[in-house]
């Protein structure tokens, strides 16, 4: 997997957020509103933290968290590129 894959995945999430196709997991969460999107993200963050502390698959939970982070970004109209630029601006040499 490459960083390019993450950008492609984010584009898919944005499209499903915007178009809300039937049968889409992303669309089903987004249709329920931002509260649901944020609640799901919080749930995934808790599951990841629990896995890191020893009760779960850390890699799987990290993937779930990243995926739900992308949904939050897309539902909030935030571009992944803007987040990366912000991080780059914070980098100390």
N, C-alpha and C. Protein backbone atom coordinates (compact mmCIF):
# COMPACT_ATOMS: atom_id res chain seq x y z
N UNK A 1 0.85 -1.19 0.00
CA UNK A 1 0.00 0.00 0.00
C UNK A 1 0.88 1.24 0.00
N UNK A 2 0.43 2.23 -0.69
CA UNK A 2 1.18 3.48 -0.77
C UNK A 2 0.30 4.64 -0.32
N UNK A 3 0.93 5.78 -0.18
CA UNK A 3 0.19 7.00 0.14
C UNK A 3 -0.83 7.28 -0.96
N UNK A 4 -0.51 6.93 -2.19
CA UNK A 4 -1.44 7.11 -3.31
C UNK A 4 -2.74 6.37 -3.04
N UNK A 5 -2.66 5.18 -2.45
CA UNK A 5 -3.87 4.42 -2.14
C UNK A 5 -4.75 5.20 -1.16
N UNK A 6 -4.14 5.83 -0.17
CA UNK A 6 -4.92 6.60 0.80
C UNK A 6 -5.65 7.75 0.13
N UNK A 7 -5.01 8.40 -0.81
CA UNK A 7 -5.66 9.49 -1.56
C UNK A 7 -6.81 8.93 -2.39
N UNK A 8 -6.60 7.78 -3.02
CA UNK A 8 -7.67 7.16 -3.81
C UNK A 8 -8.85 6.77 -2.90
N UNK A 9 -8.56 6.21 -1.75
CA UNK A 9 -9.61 5.84 -0.81
C UNK A 9 -10.38 7.07 -0.36
N UNK A 10 -9.67 8.14 -0.07
CA UNK A 10 -10.35 9.37 0.34
C UNK A 10 -11.27 9.88 -0.76
N UNK A 11 -10.84 9.78 -2.00
CA UNK A 11 -11.68 10.21 -3.12
C UNK A 11 -12.96 9.38 -3.20
N UNK A 12 -12.85 8.08 -2.95
CA UNK A 12 -14.02 7.20 -2.94
C UNK A 12 -14.97 7.61 -1.81
N UNK A 13 -14.41 7.86 -0.63
CA UNK A 13 -15.22 8.27 0.52
C UNK A 13 -15.94 9.59 0.21
N UNK A 14 -15.22 10.55 -0.38
CA UNK A 14 -15.85 11.82 -0.74
C UNK A 14 -17.00 11.62 -1.72
N UNK A 15 -16.77 10.78 -2.71
CA UNK A 15 -17.81 10.52 -3.71
C UNK A 15 -19.05 9.90 -3.07
N UNK A 16 -18.83 8.93 -2.18
CA UNK A 16 -19.97 8.27 -1.54
C UNK A 16 -20.66 9.21 -0.55
N UNK A 17 -19.90 10.11 0.04
CA UNK A 17 -20.49 11.11 0.93
C UNK A 17 -21.38 12.06 0.13
N UNK A 18 -20.90 12.43 -1.03
CA UNK A 18 -21.62 13.38 -1.88
C UNK A 18 -22.82 12.72 -2.58
N UNK A 19 -22.62 11.54 -3.14
CA UNK A 19 -23.66 10.92 -3.97
C UNK A 19 -24.61 10.01 -3.18
N UNK A 20 -24.16 9.53 -2.04
CA UNK A 20 -24.97 8.66 -1.15
C UNK A 20 -25.63 7.50 -1.89
N UNK A 21 -24.83 6.66 -2.56
CA UNK A 21 -25.42 5.53 -3.29
C UNK A 21 -26.03 4.49 -2.34
N UNK A 22 -27.07 3.83 -2.80
CA UNK A 22 -27.71 2.77 -2.03
C UNK A 22 -26.70 1.65 -1.75
N UNK A 23 -26.76 1.13 -0.55
CA UNK A 23 -25.89 0.02 -0.19
C UNK A 23 -24.51 0.42 0.28
N UNK A 24 -24.20 1.70 0.26
CA UNK A 24 -22.89 2.18 0.68
C UNK A 24 -22.86 2.39 2.19
N UNK A 25 -21.86 1.81 2.84
CA UNK A 25 -21.68 1.99 4.27
C UNK A 25 -21.45 3.46 4.60
N UNK A 26 -20.59 4.11 3.83
CA UNK A 26 -20.30 5.53 4.05
C UNK A 26 -21.58 6.35 3.93
N UNK A 27 -22.33 6.12 2.88
CA UNK A 27 -23.57 6.87 2.67
C UNK A 27 -24.55 6.64 3.82
N UNK A 28 -24.63 5.42 4.32
CA UNK A 28 -25.59 5.13 5.38
C UNK A 28 -25.27 5.92 6.65
N UNK A 29 -23.99 6.09 6.96
CA UNK A 29 -23.61 6.87 8.13
C UNK A 29 -23.86 8.36 7.90
N UNK A 30 -23.45 8.84 6.74
CA UNK A 30 -23.58 10.26 6.43
C UNK A 30 -25.06 10.68 6.39
N UNK A 31 -25.92 9.82 5.89
CA UNK A 31 -27.35 10.12 5.82
C UNK A 31 -27.94 10.36 7.21
N UNK A 32 -27.33 9.78 8.24
CA UNK A 32 -27.83 9.93 9.60
C UNK A 32 -27.37 11.24 10.25
N UNK A 33 -26.49 11.96 9.60
CA UNK A 33 -26.08 13.26 10.09
C UNK A 33 -24.68 13.27 10.70
N UNK A 34 -24.19 14.48 10.91
CA UNK A 34 -22.83 14.65 11.42
C UNK A 34 -22.67 14.05 12.82
N UNK A 35 -23.71 14.10 13.63
CA UNK A 35 -23.63 13.50 14.95
C UNK A 35 -23.31 12.02 14.87
N UNK A 36 -23.93 11.33 13.94
CA UNK A 36 -23.66 9.89 13.76
C UNK A 36 -22.25 9.67 13.24
N UNK A 37 -21.83 10.50 12.30
CA UNK A 37 -20.48 10.39 11.75
C UNK A 37 -19.45 10.55 12.88
N UNK A 38 -19.63 11.58 13.70
CA UNK A 38 -18.70 11.82 14.80
C UNK A 38 -18.79 10.74 15.87
N UNK A 39 -19.99 10.26 16.13
CA UNK A 39 -20.16 9.18 17.10
C UNK A 39 -19.44 7.92 16.68
N UNK A 40 -19.55 7.59 15.40
CA UNK A 40 -18.87 6.40 14.88
C UNK A 40 -17.36 6.58 14.95
N UNK A 41 -16.89 7.79 14.64
CA UNK A 41 -15.45 8.06 14.74
C UNK A 41 -14.98 7.89 16.18
N UNK A 42 -15.74 8.42 17.12
CA UNK A 42 -15.39 8.28 18.53
C UNK A 42 -15.36 6.82 18.97
N UNK A 43 -16.32 6.05 18.49
CA UNK A 43 -16.36 4.62 18.81
C UNK A 43 -15.11 3.92 18.28
N UNK A 44 -14.74 4.25 17.06
CA UNK A 44 -13.55 3.63 16.46
C UNK A 44 -12.28 4.07 17.18
N UNK A 45 -12.23 5.32 17.63
CA UNK A 45 -11.07 5.80 18.39
C UNK A 45 -10.94 5.03 19.69
N UNK A 46 -12.06 4.80 20.35
CA UNK A 46 -12.04 4.03 21.60
C UNK A 46 -11.58 2.60 21.34
N UNK A 47 -12.08 1.98 20.29
CA UNK A 47 -11.69 0.61 19.97
C UNK A 47 -10.20 0.52 19.64
N UNK A 48 -9.68 1.52 18.94
CA UNK A 48 -8.25 1.54 18.64
C UNK A 48 -7.44 1.69 19.92
N UNK A 49 -7.84 2.61 20.78
CA UNK A 49 -7.13 2.81 22.05
C UNK A 49 -7.16 1.54 22.88
N UNK A 50 -8.28 0.86 22.90
CA UNK A 50 -8.38 -0.39 23.64
C UNK A 50 -7.45 -1.45 23.06
N UNK A 51 -7.36 -1.51 21.75
CA UNK A 51 -6.48 -2.48 21.11
C UNK A 51 -5.02 -2.19 21.44
N UNK A 52 -4.67 -0.92 21.43
CA UNK A 52 -3.29 -0.55 21.77
C UNK A 52 -2.96 -0.96 23.20
N UNK A 53 -3.95 -0.89 24.06
CA UNK A 53 -3.75 -1.28 25.47
C UNK A 53 -3.80 -2.79 25.66
N UNK A 54 -4.02 -3.54 24.59
CA UNK A 54 -3.89 -4.98 24.69
C UNK A 54 -5.11 -5.83 24.44
N UNK A 55 -6.25 -5.24 24.08
CA UNK A 55 -7.44 -6.08 23.90
C UNK A 55 -8.02 -5.94 22.49
N UNK A 56 -7.24 -6.33 21.50
CA UNK A 56 -7.75 -6.28 20.14
C UNK A 56 -6.65 -6.24 19.11
N UNK A 57 -7.06 -6.27 17.86
CA UNK A 57 -6.14 -6.23 16.73
C UNK A 57 -5.82 -4.78 16.41
N UNK A 58 -4.62 -4.35 16.77
CA UNK A 58 -4.22 -2.95 16.61
C UNK A 58 -4.27 -2.49 15.15
N UNK A 59 -3.81 -3.32 14.25
CA UNK A 59 -3.76 -2.93 12.85
C UNK A 59 -5.17 -2.78 12.28
N UNK A 60 -6.02 -3.73 12.57
CA UNK A 60 -7.40 -3.67 12.09
C UNK A 60 -8.12 -2.45 12.65
N UNK A 61 -7.94 -2.21 13.94
CA UNK A 61 -8.59 -1.06 14.57
C UNK A 61 -8.02 0.26 14.06
N UNK A 62 -6.71 0.29 13.77
CA UNK A 62 -6.11 1.49 13.19
C UNK A 62 -6.70 1.77 11.81
N UNK A 63 -6.92 0.72 11.03
CA UNK A 63 -7.52 0.88 9.70
C UNK A 63 -8.95 1.40 9.82
N UNK A 64 -9.71 0.85 10.77
CA UNK A 64 -11.08 1.34 10.98
C UNK A 64 -11.09 2.81 11.37
N UNK A 65 -10.17 3.18 12.25
CA UNK A 65 -10.10 4.57 12.70
C UNK A 65 -9.75 5.51 11.55
N UNK A 66 -8.76 5.13 10.76
CA UNK A 66 -8.36 5.97 9.63
C UNK A 66 -9.51 6.11 8.63
N UNK A 67 -10.20 5.01 8.36
CA UNK A 67 -11.33 5.05 7.43
C UNK A 67 -12.42 5.99 7.94
N UNK A 68 -12.74 5.90 9.21
CA UNK A 68 -13.78 6.76 9.77
C UNK A 68 -13.31 8.22 9.88
N UNK A 69 -12.02 8.43 10.04
CA UNK A 69 -11.46 9.79 9.99
C UNK A 69 -11.71 10.38 8.61
N UNK A 70 -11.52 9.58 7.57
CA UNK A 70 -11.78 10.06 6.22
C UNK A 70 -13.25 10.43 6.05
N UNK A 71 -14.14 9.67 6.66
CA UNK A 71 -15.57 10.00 6.57
C UNK A 71 -15.84 11.34 7.26
N UNK A 72 -15.24 11.55 8.42
CA UNK A 72 -15.41 12.83 9.13
C UNK A 72 -14.91 13.98 8.26
N UNK A 73 -13.73 13.82 7.68
CA UNK A 73 -13.20 14.87 6.81
C UNK A 73 -14.16 15.17 5.66
N UNK A 74 -14.58 14.12 4.97
CA UNK A 74 -15.44 14.30 3.81
C UNK A 74 -16.78 14.93 4.21
N UNK A 75 -17.35 14.46 5.29
CA UNK A 75 -18.65 14.99 5.74
C UNK A 75 -18.54 16.44 6.21
N UNK A 76 -17.33 16.85 6.59
CA UNK A 76 -17.10 18.22 7.06
C UNK A 76 -16.60 19.14 5.97
N UNK A 77 -16.39 18.60 4.77
CA UNK A 77 -15.89 19.41 3.67
C UNK A 77 -14.42 19.76 3.79
N UNK A 78 -13.66 18.94 4.50
CA UNK A 78 -12.23 19.18 4.68
C UNK A 78 -11.47 18.27 3.72
N UNK A 79 -10.54 18.85 3.00
CA UNK A 79 -9.74 18.07 2.06
C UNK A 79 -8.54 17.45 2.77
N UNK A 80 -8.25 16.21 2.44
CA UNK A 80 -7.09 15.53 3.00
C UNK A 80 -5.81 16.30 2.68
N UNK A 81 -5.74 16.84 1.50
CA UNK A 81 -4.58 17.62 1.08
C UNK A 81 -4.34 18.81 2.01
N UNK A 82 -5.40 19.44 2.46
CA UNK A 82 -5.27 20.58 3.37
C UNK A 82 -4.73 20.14 4.72
N UNK A 83 -5.14 18.97 5.18
CA UNK A 83 -4.63 18.44 6.45
C UNK A 83 -3.13 18.14 6.31
N UNK A 84 -2.75 17.55 5.20
CA UNK A 84 -1.34 17.24 4.96
C UNK A 84 -0.52 18.52 4.89
N UNK A 85 -1.03 19.53 4.21
CA UNK A 85 -0.33 20.82 4.14
C UNK A 85 -0.15 21.43 5.52
N UNK A 86 -1.18 21.32 6.35
CA UNK A 86 -1.08 21.83 7.72
C UNK A 86 0.03 21.11 8.49
N UNK A 87 0.07 19.80 8.34
CA UNK A 87 1.12 19.02 9.01
C UNK A 87 2.51 19.39 8.48
N UNK A 88 2.59 19.56 7.18
CA UNK A 88 3.88 19.96 6.59
C UNK A 88 4.34 21.30 7.14
N UNK A 89 3.41 22.22 7.33
CA UNK A 89 3.73 23.54 7.88
C UNK A 89 4.21 23.48 9.31
N UNK A 90 3.85 22.45 10.02
CA UNK A 90 4.27 22.28 11.42
C UNK A 90 5.61 21.57 11.57
N UNK A 91 6.09 21.03 10.49
CA UNK A 91 7.33 20.24 10.54
C UNK A 91 8.51 21.12 10.88
N UNK A 92 9.28 20.63 11.82
CA UNK A 92 10.53 21.31 12.18
C UNK A 92 11.69 20.59 11.51
N UNK A 93 12.57 21.35 10.98
CA UNK A 93 13.72 20.75 10.26
C UNK A 93 14.85 20.47 11.17
